[in-house]
Amino acid sequence: MGVPDLGDAPLDAREIVLSADAVEVTTAQSYSRHAASLVSAQHVRLLPETNGRKIEVFRGSVIVSPHANVDHQTVSTELVYALRQAAKAVGPFAYPEVNLISGDDLFIPDFGVFRVSGGGKVAMNIADALLLGEIVSPGIRRKDIIDRPKQYAAAGVPWFTRVECRNRVPVVALHSLVEGEYRPVAAAAAGTRFVMREPFSFEIDPADLLDE
């Protein structure tokens, strides 16, 4: 099977689905239509460690995504640093982009806060996740806004945080798991204070997350 023509598909929307007899390059919107042999998170954990593209597994398909833009990386760095300082005072541990095992699936959230330390580990278990977060990328908005929150909620992660940067104006929103679904608790845009009381005290002006 050949590699299909991507045409003008933007780079950040490209993902790779690996199957037993082919490697297909597809857009983020169409990858789920391509059949792939079943692959589990345990298989991916056998791959060598890399600082390159993200490798995730969902429902037997391996999804490889390029790194996001510079603003995305800056927000992640600043937010995780601030979360680490706040969480460390009361016990939890905050990390960027950890390998996260959920059954046979492997997710890599943009950031997460965990009940246990990840020191010395290759991956964390989703059962230990206290809060997971995604920074919305323009090319894969559906994944960050709809798909991943649903998957994290199904796994019972009690808190979810989403960060958006439309027109370079950061907005931080916190959601709490209630009866299997995330419901909004707090939100703030750049120039105001985002205040979180649970699962631990934390506050920040979203404007501080971007370089100016």
C-alpha atoms as a PDB file:
ATOM      1  CA  MET A   1       0.000   0.000   0.000  1.00  0.00           C
ATOM      2  CA  GLY A   2       1.413   3.387  -0.987  1.00  0.00           C
ATOM      3  CA  VAL A   3       1.622   6.609   0.957  1.00  0.00           C
ATOM      4  CA  PRO A   4      -1.367   8.848   0.146  1.00  0.00           C
ATOM      5  CA  ASP A   5      -0.853  12.418  -1.064  1.00  0.00           C
ATOM      6  CA  LEU A   6      -1.328  14.920   1.758  1.00  0.00           C
ATOM      7  CA  GLY A   7      -1.807  17.838  -0.576  1.00  0.00           C
ATOM      8  CA  ASP A   8      -1.861  21.063   1.382  1.00  0.00           C
ATOM      9  CA  ALA A   9      -2.614  19.519   4.777  1.00  0.00           C
ATOM     10  CA  PRO A  10      -0.846  21.582   7.467  1.00  0.00           C
ATOM     11  CA  LEU A  11       2.128  19.924   9.129  1.00  0.00           C
ATOM     12  CA  ASP A  12       0.611  20.082  12.609  1.00  0.00           C
ATOM     13  CA  ALA A  13      -2.431  18.131  11.404  1.00  0.00           C
ATOM     14  CA  ARG A  14      -0.371  15.200  10.115  1.00  0.00           C
ATOM     15  CA  GLU A  15      -0.287  11.969  12.035  1.00  0.00           C
ATOM     16  CA  ILE A  16       0.997   8.502  11.267  1.00  0.00           C
ATOM     17  CA  VAL A  17      -0.925   5.284  11.752  1.00  0.00           C
ATOM     18  CA  LEU A  18       1.214   2.141  11.891  1.00  0.00           C
ATOM     19  CA  SER A  19      -0.247  -1.166  10.746  1.00  0.00           C
ATOM     20  CA  ALA A  20       1.212  -4.638  10.351  1.00  0.00           C
ATOM     21  CA  ASP A  21       1.766  -4.291   6.602  1.00  0.00           C
ATOM     22  CA  ALA A  22       1.881  -0.569   5.927  1.00  0.00           C
ATOM     23  CA  VAL A  23       2.739   2.861   7.240  1.00  0.00           C
ATOM     24  CA  GLU A  24       0.169   5.443   6.232  1.00  0.00           C
ATOM     25  CA  VAL A  25       0.494   9.194   6.621  1.00  0.00           C
ATOM     26  CA  THR A  26      -2.894  10.801   7.185  1.00  0.00           C
ATOM     27  CA  THR A  27      -4.449  14.009   8.433  1.00  0.00           C
ATOM     28  CA  ALA A  28      -5.653  14.166  12.028  1.00  0.00           C
ATOM     29  CA  GLN A  29      -9.236  14.223  10.773  1.00  0.00           C
ATOM     30  CA  SER A  30      -8.954  11.007   8.769  1.00  0.00           C
ATOM     31  CA  TYR A  31      -6.576   8.692  10.622  1.00  0.00           C
ATOM     32  CA  SER A  32      -9.354   6.838  12.426  1.00  0.00           C
ATOM     33  CA  ARG A  33     -10.769   5.581   9.111  1.00  0.00           C
ATOM     34  CA  HIS A  34      -7.630   3.575   8.361  1.00  0.00           C
ATOM     35  CA  ALA A  35      -7.470   0.006   9.624  1.00  0.00           C
ATOM     36  CA  ALA A  36      -4.505  -0.819  11.851  1.00  0.00           C
ATOM     37  CA  SER A  37      -3.414  -3.963  13.603  1.00  0.00           C
ATOM     38  CA  LEU A  38      -3.974  -3.898  17.335  1.00  0.00           C
ATOM     39  CA  VAL A  39      -1.099  -2.320  19.209  1.00  0.00           C
ATOM     40  CA  SER A  40      -1.075  -1.786  22.960  1.00  0.00           C
ATOM     41  CA  ALA A  41       0.688   0.667  25.230  1.00  0.00           C
ATOM     42  CA  GLN A  42       2.921  -2.208  26.315  1.00  0.00           C
ATOM     43  CA  HIS A  43       4.276  -2.545  22.758  1.00  0.00           C
ATOM     44  CA  VAL A  44       5.105   1.140  22.544  1.00  0.00           C
ATOM     45  CA  ARG A  45       6.907   1.045  25.882  1.00  0.00           C
ATOM     46  CA  LEU A  46       9.440  -1.282  24.210  1.00  0.00           C
ATOM     47  CA  LEU A  47      10.488   1.488  21.818  1.00  0.00           C
ATOM     48  CA  PRO A  48      13.633   3.492  22.648  1.00  0.00           C
ATOM     49  CA  GLU A  49      13.171   6.783  24.505  1.00  0.00           C
ATOM     50  CA  THR A  50      13.066   9.843  22.257  1.00  0.00           C
ATOM     51  CA  ASN A  51      12.673  13.610  22.445  1.00  0.00           C
ATOM     52  CA  GLY A  52      11.146  13.611  18.966  1.00  0.00           C
ATOM     53  CA  ARG A  53       7.511  13.265  17.936  1.00  0.00           C
ATOM     54  CA  LYS A  54       4.801  12.151  20.354  1.00  0.00           C
ATOM     55  CA  ILE A  55       3.869   8.462  20.109  1.00  0.00           C
ATOM     56  CA  GLU A  56       0.445   7.574  21.528  1.00  0.00           C
ATOM     57  CA  VAL A  57      -1.873   4.554  21.317  1.00  0.00           C
ATOM     58  CA  PHE A  58      -5.659   4.648  21.161  1.00  0.00           C
ATOM     59  CA  ARG A  59      -7.891   1.658  20.390  1.00  0.00           C
ATOM     60  CA  GLY A  60      -5.052  -0.293  18.825  1.00  0.00           C
ATOM     61  CA  SER A  61      -3.743   2.473  16.568  1.00  0.00           C
ATOM     62  CA  VAL A  62      -0.365   4.135  17.012  1.00  0.00           C
ATOM     63  CA  ILE A  63      -0.586   7.908  16.541  1.00  0.00           C
ATOM     64  CA  VAL A  64       2.564   9.947  15.964  1.00  0.00           C
ATOM     65  CA  SER A  65       2.306  13.733  16.164  1.00  0.00           C
ATOM     66  CA  PRO A  66       4.893  16.494  15.623  1.00  0.00           C
ATOM     67  CA  HIS A  67       5.686  18.986  18.353  1.00  0.00           C
ATOM     68  CA  ALA A  68       3.398  22.003  18.626  1.00  0.00           C
ATOM     69  CA  ASN A  69       4.365  25.640  18.002  1.00  0.00           C
ATOM     70  CA  VAL A  70       6.614  27.801  20.190  1.00  0.00           C
ATOM     71  CA  ASP A  71       3.743  29.478  22.072  1.00  0.00           C
ATOM     72  CA  HIS A  72       2.433  26.021  23.001  1.00  0.00           C
ATOM     73  CA  GLN A  73       5.827  24.989  24.348  1.00  0.00           C
ATOM     74  CA  THR A  74       6.225  28.264  26.253  1.00  0.00           C
ATOM     75  CA  VAL A  75       2.821  27.931  27.914  1.00  0.00           C
ATOM     76  CA  SER A  76       3.620  24.355  28.881  1.00  0.00           C
ATOM     77  CA  THR A  77       6.983  25.287  30.411  1.00  0.00           C
ATOM     78  CA  GLU A  78       5.656  28.235  32.411  1.00  0.00           C
ATOM     79  CA  LEU A  79       2.476  26.501  33.582  1.00  0.00           C
ATOM     80  CA  VAL A  80       4.157  23.282  34.665  1.00  0.00           C
ATOM     81  CA  TYR A  81       6.805  25.218  36.590  1.00  0.00           C
ATOM     82  CA  ALA A  82       4.116  27.196  38.440  1.00  0.00           C
ATOM     83  CA  LEU A  83       2.039  24.068  39.095  1.00  0.00           C
ATOM     84  CA  ARG A  84       5.084  22.222  40.436  1.00  0.00           C
ATOM     85  CA  GLN A  85       5.730  24.947  42.992  1.00  0.00           C
ATOM     86  CA  ALA A  86       2.120  24.955  44.200  1.00  0.00           C
ATOM     87  CA  ALA A  87       1.648  21.178  44.198  1.00  0.00           C
ATOM     88  CA  LYS A  88       4.965  20.403  45.865  1.00  0.00           C
ATOM     89  CA  ALA A  89       3.897  22.295  48.967  1.00  0.00           C
ATOM     90  CA  VAL A  90       1.041  19.841  49.600  1.00  0.00           C
ATOM     91  CA  GLY A  91       2.347  16.599  48.102  1.00  0.00           C
ATOM     92  CA  PRO A  92       1.377  16.005  44.435  1.00  0.00           C
ATOM     93  CA  PHE A  93       3.867  16.037  41.557  1.00  0.00           C
ATOM     94  CA  ALA A  94       3.447  18.035  38.316  1.00  0.00           C
ATOM     95  CA  TYR A  95       5.089  16.987  35.031  1.00  0.00           C
ATOM     96  CA  PRO A  96       4.986  17.920  31.338  1.00  0.00           C
ATOM     97  CA  GLU A  97       4.143  15.357  28.643  1.00  0.00           C
ATOM     98  CA  VAL A  98       4.524  12.089  30.557  1.00  0.00           C
ATOM     99  CA  ASN A  99       3.767   8.684  29.040  1.00  0.00           C
ATOM    100  CA  LEU A 100       0.399   7.826  30.589  1.00  0.00           C
ATOM    101  CA  ILE A 101      -0.905   4.243  30.593  1.00  0.00           C
ATOM    102  CA  SER A 102      -4.673   3.716  30.515  1.00  0.00           C
ATOM    103  CA  GLY A 103      -5.400   0.029  29.978  1.00  0.00           C
ATOM    104  CA  ASP A 104      -4.071  -0.752  26.490  1.00  0.00           C
ATOM    105  CA  ASP A 105      -3.962   2.946  25.578  1.00  0.00           C
ATOM    106  CA  LEU A 106      -1.009   5.284  25.890  1.00  0.00           C
ATOM    107  CA  PHE A 107      -1.688   9.025  26.167  1.00  0.00           C
ATOM    108  CA  ILE A 108       0.739  11.916  26.436  1.00  0.00           C
ATOM    109  CA  PRO A 109      -1.135  14.846  28.003  1.00  0.00           C
ATOM    110  CA  ASP A 110       0.500  18.256  27.721  1.00  0.00           C
ATOM    111  CA  PHE A 111       0.791  18.351  31.502  1.00  0.00           C
ATOM    112  CA  GLY A 112      -0.389  16.444  34.527  1.00  0.00           C
ATOM    113  CA  VAL A 113      -0.398  16.386  38.311  1.00  0.00           C
ATOM    114  CA  PHE A 114      -0.015  13.010  40.001  1.00  0.00           C
ATOM    115  CA  ARG A 115      -0.509  11.574  43.477  1.00  0.00           C
ATOM    116  CA  VAL A 116       2.826   9.734  43.280  1.00  0.00           C
ATOM    117  CA  SER A 117       6.285  10.672  42.060  1.00  0.00           C
ATOM    118  CA  GLY A 118       7.323   9.774  38.541  1.00  0.00           C
ATOM    119  CA  GLY A 119      10.971   9.653  39.524  1.00  0.00           C
ATOM    120  CA  GLY A 120      12.782   6.833  37.723  1.00  0.00           C
ATOM    121  CA  LYS A 121       9.665   5.768  35.768  1.00  0.00           C
ATOM    122  CA  VAL A 122       9.180   5.481  32.010  1.00  0.00           C
ATOM    123  CA  ALA A 123       5.404   5.877  32.299  1.00  0.00           C
ATOM    124  CA  MET A 124       2.702   6.776  34.809  1.00  0.00           C
ATOM    125  CA  ASN A 125      -0.608   5.009  35.432  1.00  0.00           C
ATOM    126  CA  ILE A 126      -3.730   7.036  34.794  1.00  0.00           C
ATOM    127  CA  ALA A 127      -5.119   5.808  38.120  1.00  0.00           C
ATOM    128  CA  ASP A 128      -2.496   7.997  39.809  1.00  0.00           C
ATOM    129  CA  ALA A 129      -3.485  11.124  37.863  1.00  0.00           C
ATOM    130  CA  LEU A 130      -5.041  13.875  39.956  1.00  0.00           C
ATOM    131  CA  LEU A 131      -5.293  16.465  37.183  1.00  0.00           C
ATOM    132  CA  LEU A 132      -4.554  16.261  33.466  1.00  0.00           C
ATOM    133  CA  GLY A 133      -4.309  19.155  31.058  1.00  0.00           C
ATOM    134  CA  GLU A 134      -4.220  19.946  27.365  1.00  0.00           C
ATOM    135  CA  ILE A 135      -3.020  23.087  25.594  1.00  0.00           C
ATOM    136  CA  VAL A 136      -5.240  23.456  22.545  1.00  0.00           C
ATOM    137  CA  SER A 137      -3.365  23.192  19.231  1.00  0.00           C
ATOM    138  CA  PRO A 138      -5.019  24.722  16.136  1.00  0.00           C
ATOM    139  CA  GLY A 139      -4.506  21.631  13.972  1.00  0.00           C
ATOM    140  CA  ILE A 140      -6.030  19.143  16.443  1.00  0.00           C
ATOM    141  CA  ARG A 141      -8.656  21.159  18.342  1.00  0.00           C
ATOM    142  CA  ARG A 142     -11.132  18.280  18.459  1.00  0.00           C
ATOM    143  CA  LYS A 143      -8.614  16.020  20.195  1.00  0.00           C
ATOM    144  CA  ASP A 144      -7.754  18.623  22.843  1.00  0.00           C
ATOM    145  CA  ILE A 145     -11.297  19.935  23.429  1.00  0.00           C
ATOM    146  CA  ILE A 146     -13.495  16.849  22.976  1.00  0.00           C
ATOM    147  CA  ASP A 147     -11.667  13.546  22.595  1.00  0.00           C
ATOM    148  CA  ARG A 148      -9.047  13.669  25.334  1.00  0.00           C
ATOM    149  CA  PRO A 149     -11.345  15.086  28.030  1.00  0.00           C
ATOM    150  CA  LYS A 150     -13.826  12.269  27.300  1.00  0.00           C
ATOM    151  CA  GLN A 151     -11.068   9.673  27.531  1.00  0.00           C
ATOM    152  CA  TYR A 152      -9.680  11.102  30.771  1.00  0.00           C
ATOM    153  CA  ALA A 153     -13.181  11.324  32.260  1.00  0.00           C
ATOM    154  CA  ALA A 154     -13.887   7.705  31.315  1.00  0.00           C
ATOM    155  CA  ALA A 155     -10.721   6.728  33.189  1.00  0.00           C
ATOM    156  CA  GLY A 156     -11.910   8.608  36.293  1.00  0.00           C
ATOM    157  CA  VAL A 157      -9.355  11.433  36.365  1.00  0.00           C
ATOM    158  CA  PRO A 158     -10.978  13.887  38.826  1.00  0.00           C
ATOM    159  CA  TRP A 159      -9.739  17.186  37.348  1.00  0.00           C
ATOM    160  CA  PHE A 160      -9.072  18.481  33.826  1.00  0.00           C
ATOM    161  CA  THR A 161      -7.508  21.788  32.759  1.00  0.00           C
ATOM    162  CA  ARG A 162      -7.626  23.271  29.284  1.00  0.00           C
ATOM    163  CA  VAL A 163      -5.516  26.172  28.028  1.00  0.00           C
ATOM    164  CA  GLU A 164      -6.309  28.099  24.839  1.00  0.00           C
ATOM    165  CA  CYS A 165      -4.264  30.857  23.203  1.00  0.00           C
ATOM    166  CA  ARG A 166      -6.454  32.294  20.460  1.00  0.00           C
ATOM    167  CA  ASN A 167      -4.882  35.472  19.083  1.00  0.00           C
ATOM    168  CA  ARG A 168      -2.113  34.927  21.651  1.00  0.00           C
ATOM    169  CA  VAL A 169      -4.480  35.606  24.564  1.00  0.00           C
ATOM    170  CA  PRO A 170      -4.137  32.708  27.024  1.00  0.00           C
ATOM    171  CA  VAL A 171      -7.258  31.413  28.757  1.00  0.00           C
ATOM    172  CA  VAL A 172      -7.077  28.768  31.508  1.00  0.00           C
ATOM    173  CA  ALA A 173     -10.158  26.721  32.441  1.00  0.00           C
ATOM    174  CA  LEU A 174     -10.529  24.125  35.203  1.00  0.00           C
ATOM    175  CA  HIS A 175     -13.101  21.319  35.088  1.00  0.00           C
ATOM    176  CA  SER A 176     -14.195  18.864  37.769  1.00  0.00           C
ATOM    177  CA  LEU A 177     -15.423  15.315  37.150  1.00  0.00           C
ATOM    178  CA  VAL A 178     -19.080  15.036  38.128  1.00  0.00           C
ATOM    179  CA  GLU A 179     -21.110  11.917  37.308  1.00  0.00           C
ATOM    180  CA  GLY A 180     -18.700  10.865  34.584  1.00  0.00           C
ATOM    181  CA  GLU A 181     -18.421  14.237  32.846  1.00  0.00           C
ATOM    182  CA  TYR A 182     -16.252  17.309  33.272  1.00  0.00           C
ATOM    183  CA  ARG A 183     -18.042  20.437  34.418  1.00  0.00           C
ATOM    184  CA  PRO A 184     -16.481  23.930  34.487  1.00  0.00           C
ATOM    185  CA  VAL A 185     -15.298  25.201  37.863  1.00  0.00           C
ATOM    186  CA  ALA A 186     -13.115  28.227  37.147  1.00  0.00           C
ATOM    187  CA  ALA A 187     -11.742  30.132  34.158  1.00  0.00           C
ATOM    188  CA  ALA A 188      -9.734  33.284  33.518  1.00  0.00           C
ATOM    189  CA  ALA A 189      -8.186  35.103  30.569  1.00  0.00           C
ATOM    190  CA  ALA A 190      -4.943  37.067  30.356  1.00  0.00           C
ATOM    191  CA  GLY A 191      -5.030  40.153  32.567  1.00  0.00           C
ATOM    192  CA  THR A 192      -7.146  38.498  35.277  1.00  0.00           C
ATOM    193  CA  ARG A 193      -6.365  35.922  37.958  1.00  0.00           C
ATOM    194  CA  PHE A 194      -7.057  32.241  37.475  1.00  0.00           C
ATOM    195  CA  VAL A 195      -7.810  30.923  40.962  1.00  0.00           C
ATOM    196  CA  MET A 196      -7.996  27.214  41.799  1.00  0.00           C
ATOM    197  CA  ARG A 197      -8.894  25.949  45.285  1.00  0.00           C
ATOM    198  CA  GLU A 198      -9.025  22.229  44.475  1.00  0.00           C
ATOM    199  CA  PRO A 199      -7.329  19.805  44.095  1.00  0.00           C
ATOM    200  CA  PHE A 200      -4.809  22.233  45.657  1.00  0.00           C
ATOM    201  CA  SER A 201      -4.472  25.989  45.881  1.00  0.00           C
ATOM    202  CA  PHE A 202      -3.031  27.613  42.787  1.00  0.00           C
ATOM    203  CA  GLU A 203      -3.408  30.929  41.023  1.00  0.00           C
ATOM    204  CA  ILE A 204      -1.842  32.706  38.072  1.00  0.00           C
ATOM    205  CA  ASP A 205      -2.447  35.467  35.566  1.00  0.00           C
ATOM    206  CA  PRO A 206      -2.620  33.597  32.227  1.00  0.00           C
ATOM    207  CA  ALA A 207      -0.764  36.530  30.635  1.00  0.00           C
ATOM    208  CA  ASP A 208       2.367  35.285  32.453  1.00  0.00           C
ATOM    209  CA  LEU A 209       2.324  32.086  30.381  1.00  0.00           C
ATOM    210  CA  LEU A 210       3.501  33.730  27.133  1.00  0.00           C
ATOM    211  CA  ASP A 211       6.597  35.681  26.168  1.00  0.00           C
ATOM    212  CA  GLU A 212       5.961  39.247  25.078  1.00  0.00           C
END
